[in-house]
C-alpha atoms as a PDB file:
ATOM      1  CA  MET A   1      26.955 -23.542  24.324  1.00  0.00           C
ATOM      2  CA  THR A   2      25.401 -22.380  27.594  1.00  0.00           C
ATOM      3  CA  ILE A   3      24.168 -18.867  28.053  1.00  0.00           C
ATOM      4  CA  GLU A   4      26.890 -18.332  30.577  1.00  0.00           C
ATOM      5  CA  ALA A   5      29.579 -19.506  28.212  1.00  0.00           C
ATOM      6  CA  GLN A   6      28.198 -17.374  25.374  1.00  0.00           C
ATOM      7  CA  LEU A   7      27.870 -14.331  27.599  1.00  0.00           C
ATOM      8  CA  ARG A   8      31.426 -14.700  28.888  1.00  0.00           C
ATOM      9  CA  ASN A   9      32.649 -14.910  25.260  1.00  0.00           C
ATOM     10  CA  SER A  10      30.590 -11.828  24.371  1.00  0.00           C
ATOM     11  CA  LEU A  11      32.177  -9.904  27.254  1.00  0.00           C
ATOM     12  CA  LEU A  12      35.792 -10.582  26.188  1.00  0.00           C
ATOM     13  CA  PRO A  13      36.120  -7.397  24.105  1.00  0.00           C
ATOM     14  CA  VAL A  14      34.376  -5.212  26.722  1.00  0.00           C
ATOM     15  CA  PHE A  15      37.072  -5.925  29.248  1.00  0.00           C
ATOM     16  CA  GLY A  16      39.933  -6.536  26.858  1.00  0.00           C
ATOM     17  CA  PHE A  17      40.391 -10.148  27.881  1.00  0.00           C
ATOM     18  CA  HIS A  18      41.611 -12.960  25.646  1.00  0.00           C
ATOM     19  CA  SER A  19      40.117 -15.945  27.418  1.00  0.00           C
ATOM     20  CA  THR A  20      36.749 -16.648  29.002  1.00  0.00           C
ATOM     21  CA  GLU A  21      38.745 -18.082  31.955  1.00  0.00           C
ATOM     22  CA  GLN A  22      39.440 -14.477  32.839  1.00  0.00           C
ATOM     23  CA  ILE A  23      35.709 -13.869  33.370  1.00  0.00           C
ATOM     24  CA  PRO A  24      34.407 -16.114  36.165  1.00  0.00           C
ATOM     25  CA  GLU A  25      30.697 -16.615  36.266  1.00  0.00           C
ATOM     26  CA  ASP A  26      30.538 -15.381  39.901  1.00  0.00           C
ATOM     27  CA  ALA A  27      32.543 -12.184  39.084  1.00  0.00           C
ATOM     28  CA  SER A  28      30.873  -8.874  39.779  1.00  0.00           C
ATOM     29  CA  LEU A  29      30.690  -6.842  36.608  1.00  0.00           C
ATOM     30  CA  VAL A  30      31.648  -3.725  38.526  1.00  0.00           C
ATOM     31  CA  ASN A  31      33.693  -4.766  41.599  1.00  0.00           C
ATOM     32  CA  ASP A  32      35.653  -7.620  40.030  1.00  0.00           C
ATOM     33  CA  LEU A  33      35.787  -6.798  36.320  1.00  0.00           C
ATOM     34  CA  GLY A  34      35.781  -3.008  36.563  1.00  0.00           C
ATOM     35  CA  ALA A  35      32.779  -2.225  34.333  1.00  0.00           C
ATOM     36  CA  ASP A  36      31.817   1.433  34.156  1.00  0.00           C
ATOM     37  CA  SER A  37      28.783   3.135  32.662  1.00  0.00           C
ATOM     38  CA  LEU A  38      30.233   3.046  29.082  1.00  0.00           C
ATOM     39  CA  ASP A  39      30.846  -0.669  29.478  1.00  0.00           C
ATOM     40  CA  PHE A  40      27.238  -1.184  30.439  1.00  0.00           C
ATOM     41  CA  VAL A  41      26.107   0.599  27.274  1.00  0.00           C
ATOM     42  CA  GLU A  42      28.264  -1.856  25.263  1.00  0.00           C
ATOM     43  CA  ILE A  43      27.108  -4.853  27.340  1.00  0.00           C
ATOM     44  CA  VAL A  44      23.493  -4.023  26.792  1.00  0.00           C
ATOM     45  CA  TYR A  45      24.191  -3.719  22.982  1.00  0.00           C
ATOM     46  CA  LEU A  46      26.032  -7.049  22.974  1.00  0.00           C
ATOM     47  CA  ILE A  47      23.155  -8.793  24.758  1.00  0.00           C
ATOM     48  CA  GLU A  48      20.730  -7.530  22.162  1.00  0.00           C
ATOM     49  CA  ARG A  49      23.031  -8.497  19.284  1.00  0.00           C
ATOM     50  CA  ASP A  50      24.083 -11.897  20.594  1.00  0.00           C
ATOM     51  CA  PHE A  51      20.947 -13.003  22.390  1.00  0.00           C
ATOM     52  CA  GLY A  52      18.170 -11.000  20.818  1.00  0.00           C
ATOM     53  CA  VAL A  53      17.222  -9.668  24.241  1.00  0.00           C
ATOM     54  CA  VAL A  54      16.489  -5.956  24.543  1.00  0.00           C
ATOM     55  CA  LEU A  55      17.452  -4.522  27.901  1.00  0.00           C
ATOM     56  CA  LYS A  56      17.722  -1.054  29.213  1.00  0.00           C
ATOM     57  CA  THR A  57      20.656  -0.320  31.439  1.00  0.00           C
ATOM     58  CA  ASN A  58      18.281   0.642  34.232  1.00  0.00           C
ATOM     59  CA  GLU A  59      16.627  -2.796  34.053  1.00  0.00           C
ATOM     60  CA  LEU A  60      19.874  -4.250  35.359  1.00  0.00           C
ATOM     61  CA  MET A  61      19.091  -2.329  38.544  1.00  0.00           C
ATOM     62  CA  VAL A  62      16.371  -4.730  39.397  1.00  0.00           C
ATOM     63  CA  ALA A  63      18.354  -7.719  38.124  1.00  0.00           C
ATOM     64  CA  GLY A  64      15.724  -8.737  35.731  1.00  0.00           C
ATOM     65  CA  ALA A  65      13.037  -8.946  38.376  1.00  0.00           C
ATOM     66  CA  SER A  66       9.577  -8.435  36.920  1.00  0.00           C
ATOM     67  CA  VAL A  67       8.752  -5.743  39.513  1.00  0.00           C
ATOM     68  CA  ASP A  68       8.905  -1.985  39.791  1.00  0.00           C
ATOM     69  CA  PRO A  69      12.229  -0.848  41.366  1.00  0.00           C
ATOM     70  CA  ASP A  70      10.205   1.274  43.760  1.00  0.00           C
ATOM     71  CA  THR A  71       8.904  -1.984  45.225  1.00  0.00           C
ATOM     72  CA  LEU A  72      12.405  -3.362  45.726  1.00  0.00           C
ATOM     73  CA  PHE A  73      13.880  -0.191  47.172  1.00  0.00           C
ATOM     74  CA  VAL A  74      12.511   1.971  49.981  1.00  0.00           C
ATOM     75  CA  GLU A  75      14.199   5.345  50.428  1.00  0.00           C
ATOM     76  CA  GLY A  76      17.013   4.235  48.186  1.00  0.00           C
ATOM     77  CA  ARG A  77      17.741   0.957  50.008  1.00  0.00           C
ATOM     78  CA  LEU A  78      16.804  -2.613  49.268  1.00  0.00           C
ATOM     79  CA  SER A  79      13.878  -3.629  51.347  1.00  0.00           C
ATOM     80  CA  GLU A  80      13.552  -6.921  53.288  1.00  0.00           C
ATOM     81  CA  GLU A  81      10.902  -8.058  50.854  1.00  0.00           C
ATOM     82  CA  GLY A  82      13.046  -7.031  47.840  1.00  0.00           C
ATOM     83  CA  ALA A  83      16.067  -8.886  49.184  1.00  0.00           C
ATOM     84  CA  SER A  84      14.079 -12.028  49.905  1.00  0.00           C
ATOM     85  CA  MET A  85      12.511 -11.879  46.429  1.00  0.00           C
ATOM     86  CA  LEU A  86      15.805 -11.394  44.578  1.00  0.00           C
ATOM     87  CA  ASN A  87      17.549 -14.137  46.533  1.00  0.00           C
ATOM     88  CA  GLN A  88      14.719 -16.477  45.616  1.00  0.00           C
ATOM     89  CA  GLN A  89      14.742 -15.409  42.018  1.00  0.00           C
ATOM     90  CA  PHE A  90      18.487 -15.876  41.794  1.00  0.00           C
ATOM     91  CA  PRO A  91      19.279 -18.950  43.953  1.00  0.00           C
ATOM     92  CA  ASP A  92      22.912 -18.803  42.973  1.00  0.00           C
ATOM     93  CA  SER A  93      23.185 -15.490  44.851  1.00  0.00           C
ATOM     94  CA  ASN A  94      23.804 -17.311  48.166  1.00  0.00           C
ATOM     95  CA  GLY A  95      21.949 -14.593  50.007  1.00  0.00           C
ATOM     96  CA  ARG A  96      24.135 -11.889  48.543  1.00  0.00           C
ATOM     97  CA  PHE A  97      21.258  -9.392  48.203  1.00  0.00           C
ATOM     98  CA  LYS A  98      20.800  -7.929  51.669  1.00  0.00           C
ATOM     99  CA  ALA A  99      18.140  -5.595  52.974  1.00  0.00           C
ATOM    100  CA  GLY A 100      19.583  -2.120  53.352  1.00  0.00           C
ATOM    101  CA  MET A 101      21.857  -2.346  50.336  1.00  0.00           C
ATOM    102  CA  THR A 102      21.985   0.968  48.480  1.00  0.00           C
ATOM    103  CA  LYS A 103      21.070   1.017  44.771  1.00  0.00           C
ATOM    104  CA  VAL A 104      24.722   1.632  43.891  1.00  0.00           C
ATOM    105  CA  GLY A 105      25.847  -1.223  46.114  1.00  0.00           C
ATOM    106  CA  PHE A 106      23.252  -3.522  44.652  1.00  0.00           C
ATOM    107  CA  PHE A 107      24.222  -2.576  41.131  1.00  0.00           C
ATOM    108  CA  GLN A 108      27.888  -3.151  41.829  1.00  0.00           C
ATOM    109  CA  SER A 109      27.122  -6.695  43.110  1.00  0.00           C
ATOM    110  CA  ILE A 110      25.520  -7.955  39.879  1.00  0.00           C
ATOM    111  CA  SER A 111      27.570 -10.839  38.587  1.00  0.00           C
ATOM    112  CA  VAL A 112      28.088 -12.442  35.245  1.00  0.00           C
ATOM    113  CA  ARG A 113      25.882 -15.296  36.408  1.00  0.00           C
ATOM    114  CA  ASP A 114      23.123 -12.818  37.388  1.00  0.00           C
ATOM    115  CA  LEU A 115      23.317 -11.280  33.910  1.00  0.00           C
ATOM    116  CA  ALA A 116      23.060 -14.767  32.328  1.00  0.00           C
ATOM    117  CA  ASN A 117      20.009 -15.415  34.495  1.00  0.00           C
ATOM    118  CA  ILE A 118      18.393 -12.255  33.334  1.00  0.00           C
ATOM    119  CA  ILE A 119      19.038 -13.244  29.708  1.00  0.00           C
ATOM    120  CA  ARG A 120      17.617 -16.739  30.423  1.00  0.00           C
ATOM    121  CA  GLN A 121      14.486 -15.234  31.932  1.00  0.00           C
ATOM    122  CA  ARG A 122      13.965 -12.770  29.054  1.00  0.00           C
ATOM    123  CA  THR A 123      14.493 -15.465  26.360  1.00  0.00           C
ATOM    124  CA  SER A 124      12.055 -17.704  28.178  1.00  0.00           C
ATOM    125  CA  GLU A 125       9.526 -14.865  28.265  1.00  0.00           C
ATOM    126  CA  MET A 126      10.021 -14.237  24.572  1.00  0.00           C
ATOM    127  CA  ARG A 127       9.160 -17.851  23.801  1.00  0.00           C
ATOM    128  CA  LYS A 128       5.806 -17.848  25.709  1.00  0.00           C
ATOM    129  CA  PRO A 129       2.773 -17.553  23.481  1.00  0.00           C
ATOM    130  CA  CYS A 130       0.937 -14.286  23.728  1.00  0.00           C
END
């Protein structure tokens, strides 16, 4: 089972859905699926339980990028450099991350696929020898 498929299955109870078809990979967790702050607490827990990946909710803010959020955001808005880096790191974003996005707007745009990519990156990092 792919990470995307496993994640969509894990998200079913969070959103009260009965089929993974109700959770498209390109769906925004907030804008399309209606996730709120309590849902994100549950999502972070499920990721740890189902994938063994420990995430903090605020780490979703930088979409798994291995940089300081202060580098991505200048005066509360996504910088040109940050947008470019995120769009490269997440090629499936189709340029969705735009300079000038607020932190809230950015957070609202994170998709199921983005979350799967974060999990993929973290599991890959966990497998690297120290």
